[in-house]
Amino acid sequence: PTIRTKGAAFLKDIARLIALMLALRNQPQGPAYEDDRTYHMMRLMSYLRQTERIPAFIKYIHQLATLHEHSKNYTEAALTLLLHGSLLRWSNQTQPAMDHPPHYPEETEAERKERLYTKAMEHM
């Protein structure tokens, strides 16, 4: 592929990402719009996962879990946290601290996975 082809693909990708982010941002706040916000967040998360933008995908996992928690949808919050846990292995590989909520410390993959599963069980 030429640089022109790669450039066009990059611009198309960024345009899609921006469109999804704007669609989410433009949703009104409040309980009446929770379903719409969830729908748009799930669309964005699906795109992030498909394009292997895993750190951004994880950030939105936790935003969606928080949205569910505030709405007292605890089962949905638990299932959302399990998405993050499913990305991790039971290994001693170090995971960096999360610089966005919930601000987990640096820990091993196994410790992070256990933390997520424990939190999910608390919601169930």
Protein backbone atom coordinates (compact mmCIF):
# COMPACT_ATOMS: atom_id res chain seq x y z
CA PRO A 1 0.00 0.00 0.00
CA THR A 2 1.12 3.47 -0.82
CA ILE A 3 1.41 6.26 1.69
CA ARG A 4 -1.67 7.80 0.10
CA THR A 5 -3.69 4.64 0.73
CA LYS A 6 -2.42 4.40 4.30
CA GLY A 7 -3.16 8.08 4.87
CA ALA A 8 -6.70 7.73 3.55
CA ALA A 9 -7.32 4.69 5.77
CA PHE A 10 -5.95 6.56 8.79
CA LEU A 11 -8.21 9.56 8.15
CA LYS A 12 -11.24 7.30 7.69
CA ASP A 13 -10.42 5.55 10.96
CA ILE A 14 -10.02 8.81 12.88
CA ALA A 15 -13.22 10.23 11.38
CA ARG A 16 -15.13 7.13 12.57
CA LEU A 17 -13.62 7.38 16.05
CA ILE A 18 -14.48 11.08 16.34
CA ALA A 19 -18.04 10.46 15.11
CA LEU A 20 -18.58 7.79 17.78
CA MET A 21 -17.08 9.96 20.52
CA LEU A 22 -19.21 12.94 19.50
CA ALA A 23 -22.35 10.82 19.39
CA LEU A 24 -21.67 9.81 22.99
CA ARG A 25 -20.75 13.31 24.14
CA ASN A 26 -23.88 14.81 22.58
CA GLN A 27 -26.21 12.58 24.62
CA PRO A 28 -28.05 14.51 27.33
CA GLN A 29 -27.25 13.74 30.96
CA GLY A 30 -29.81 12.30 33.35
CA PRO A 31 -31.67 9.10 34.08
CA ALA A 32 -34.10 9.56 31.20
CA TYR A 33 -31.21 9.24 28.72
CA GLU A 34 -29.32 6.40 30.40
CA ASP A 35 -30.28 3.86 27.71
CA ASP A 36 -29.16 6.20 24.93
CA ARG A 37 -25.83 6.91 26.67
CA THR A 38 -25.30 3.18 27.23
CA TYR A 39 -26.04 2.42 23.58
CA HIS A 40 -23.57 5.01 22.29
CA MET A 41 -20.93 3.98 24.81
CA MET A 42 -21.29 0.34 23.74
CA ARG A 43 -20.92 1.32 20.07
CA LEU A 44 -17.73 3.22 20.89
CA MET A 45 -16.41 0.36 23.02
CA SER A 46 -17.10 -2.13 20.24
CA TYR A 47 -15.13 0.01 17.81
CA LEU A 48 -12.24 0.43 20.25
CA ARG A 49 -12.03 -3.31 20.79
CA GLN A 50 -12.22 -4.10 17.07
CA THR A 51 -9.43 -1.63 16.34
CA GLU A 52 -7.35 -3.00 19.23
CA ARG A 53 -7.31 0.25 21.21
CA ILE A 54 -7.39 -1.73 24.43
CA PRO A 55 -6.34 1.01 26.90
CA ALA A 56 -9.16 3.25 25.65
CA PHE A 57 -11.54 0.26 25.67
CA ILE A 58 -10.68 -0.37 29.33
CA LYS A 59 -11.26 3.29 30.19
CA TYR A 60 -14.78 3.13 28.75
CA ILE A 61 -15.43 -0.21 30.47
CA HIS A 62 -15.01 1.56 33.78
CA GLN A 63 -17.07 4.58 32.71
CA LEU A 64 -19.91 2.27 31.72
CA ALA A 65 -19.62 0.31 34.97
CA THR A 66 -19.82 3.60 36.90
CA LEU A 67 -22.88 4.66 34.88
CA HIS A 68 -24.56 1.35 35.78
CA GLU A 69 -23.59 1.69 39.45
CA HIS A 70 -25.09 5.19 39.68
CA SER A 71 -28.27 3.87 38.08
CA LYS A 72 -28.36 1.00 40.58
CA ASN A 73 -28.00 -1.52 37.75
CA TYR A 74 -25.58 -3.63 39.73
CA THR A 75 -25.75 -6.78 37.61
CA GLU A 76 -24.92 -4.75 34.48
CA ALA A 77 -22.05 -3.06 36.34
CA ALA A 78 -20.71 -6.48 37.36
CA LEU A 79 -20.93 -7.85 33.82
CA THR A 80 -19.18 -4.76 32.50
CA LEU A 81 -16.30 -5.22 34.94
CA LEU A 82 -16.01 -8.83 33.82
CA LEU A 83 -15.19 -7.51 30.32
CA HIS A 84 -11.99 -6.02 31.72
CA GLY A 85 -11.23 -9.19 33.67
CA SER A 86 -11.61 -11.27 30.51
CA LEU A 87 -8.74 -9.34 28.92
CA LEU A 88 -6.34 -10.40 31.69
CA ARG A 89 -4.53 -13.67 32.36
CA TRP A 90 -3.66 -15.28 35.67
CA SER A 91 -0.03 -14.21 35.34
CA ASN A 92 2.57 -12.33 37.34
CA GLN A 93 3.11 -9.83 34.53
CA THR A 94 2.94 -6.30 35.92
CA GLN A 95 0.02 -4.10 34.97
CA PRO A 96 0.62 -0.35 35.13
CA ALA A 97 -1.36 1.83 37.50
CA MET A 98 -4.56 3.16 35.94
CA ASP A 99 -4.52 6.95 35.55
CA HIS A 100 -8.30 7.13 35.22
CA PRO A 101 -11.02 6.03 37.61
CA PRO A 102 -10.98 3.66 39.45
CA HIS A 103 -7.22 4.45 39.72
CA TYR A 104 -5.96 0.93 40.40
CA PRO A 105 -2.34 0.71 41.57
CA GLU A 106 0.43 -1.07 39.71
CA GLU A 107 -0.15 -4.78 40.28
CA THR A 108 0.17 -8.13 38.57
CA GLU A 109 -2.38 -9.27 36.01
CA ALA A 110 -3.61 -11.91 38.47
CA GLU A 111 -4.09 -9.29 41.22
CA ARG A 112 -5.94 -6.95 38.84
CA LYS A 113 -8.13 -9.79 37.59
CA GLU A 114 -8.91 -10.85 41.17
CA ARG A 115 -9.73 -7.22 42.09
CA LEU A 116 -12.15 -6.94 39.15
CA TYR A 117 -13.81 -10.28 39.85
CA THR A 118 -14.21 -9.43 43.54
CA LYS A 119 -15.82 -6.11 42.66
CA ALA A 120 -18.12 -7.87 40.18
CA MET A 121 -19.15 -10.42 42.82
CA GLU A 122 -19.94 -7.58 45.25
CA HIS A 123 -22.34 -6.16 42.66
CA MET A 124 -24.04 -9.51 42.10
